[in-house]
Amino acid sequence: MWKTIYIAKDILTANNLEKSLREKGIKTILNKLDISKKKDELAGNVEILVLKSEAREAFLVINESLIEENI
């Protein structure tokens, strides 16, 4: 079962967090929530999902990544 662990403000942030999670061996799914009417395809919220069994570890990895990058 998949669990939403974070909602990123844009696809670039989501990709960076996904990279950090995958480096720790955590499987992820990105799900774009907003279909922007703007021409900017990078804009819009992106949901980051992980396996429920890995949620706690994923939460810690995301917090560490956000602190390091000051996002």
Protein backbone atom coordinates (compact mmCIF):
# COMPACT_ATOMS: atom_id res chain seq x y z
CA MET A 1 0.00 0.00 0.00
CA TRP A 2 1.28 3.48 -0.91
CA LYS A 3 1.18 6.50 1.39
CA THR A 4 1.54 10.19 0.62
CA ILE A 5 4.59 11.39 2.54
CA TYR A 6 5.04 14.91 1.13
CA ILE A 7 3.52 17.35 -1.35
CA ALA A 8 6.19 19.32 -3.19
CA LYS A 9 5.53 22.79 -4.56
CA ASP A 10 6.89 21.92 -8.01
CA ILE A 11 8.33 19.07 -10.07
CA LEU A 12 11.94 20.14 -9.55
CA THR A 13 11.62 19.88 -5.77
CA ALA A 14 9.80 16.57 -6.12
CA ASN A 15 12.54 15.19 -8.37
CA ASN A 16 15.26 16.23 -5.91
CA LEU A 17 13.44 14.59 -3.01
CA GLU A 18 12.75 11.48 -5.08
CA LYS A 19 16.46 11.23 -5.86
CA SER A 20 17.31 11.42 -2.13
CA LEU A 21 14.76 8.73 -1.33
CA ARG A 22 15.94 6.40 -4.09
CA GLU A 23 19.56 6.81 -2.96
CA LYS A 24 18.40 5.36 0.38
CA GLY A 25 16.65 2.49 -1.42
CA ILE A 26 13.12 3.81 -0.90
CA LYS A 27 10.69 3.23 -3.78
CA THR A 28 8.71 6.30 -4.78
CA ILE A 29 5.87 7.40 -7.02
CA LEU A 30 5.38 11.01 -8.10
CA ASN A 31 1.84 12.16 -8.81
CA LYS A 32 1.25 15.62 -10.23
CA LEU A 33 -1.81 17.05 -8.48
CA ASP A 34 -2.32 20.31 -10.33
CA ILE A 35 -2.87 20.49 -14.01
CA SER A 36 -1.63 23.98 -14.60
CA LYS A 37 -3.24 26.13 -17.25
CA LYS A 38 0.01 28.03 -17.40
CA LYS A 39 2.59 27.32 -20.06
CA ASP A 40 5.09 26.46 -17.33
CA GLU A 41 4.97 22.66 -17.10
CA LEU A 42 7.21 22.74 -14.00
CA ALA A 43 4.64 24.55 -11.87
CA GLY A 44 2.11 22.80 -9.66
CA ASN A 45 2.01 20.55 -6.63
CA VAL A 46 3.46 17.06 -6.83
CA GLU A 47 2.54 14.30 -4.39
CA ILE A 48 5.37 11.98 -3.28
CA LEU A 49 4.19 8.50 -2.35
CA VAL A 50 6.18 5.72 -0.69
CA LEU A 51 5.34 2.25 0.53
CA LYS A 52 3.56 2.45 3.87
CA SER A 53 6.23 0.23 5.44
CA GLU A 54 8.91 2.79 4.46
CA ALA A 55 6.98 5.94 5.43
CA ARG A 56 8.85 6.68 8.66
CA GLU A 57 12.28 6.36 7.05
CA ALA A 58 11.11 8.38 4.03
CA PHE A 59 9.84 11.15 6.30
CA LEU A 60 13.25 11.38 7.97
CA VAL A 61 15.08 11.42 4.62
CA ILE A 62 12.81 14.18 3.28
CA ASN A 63 13.24 16.30 6.40
CA GLU A 64 17.01 15.93 6.19
CA SER A 65 17.00 16.84 2.49
CA LEU A 66 14.81 19.89 3.04
CA ILE A 67 17.04 21.15 5.84
CA GLU A 68 20.19 20.66 3.78
CA GLU A 69 18.76 22.42 0.73
CA ASN A 70 16.76 25.07 2.65
CA ILE A 71 13.68 24.41 0.52
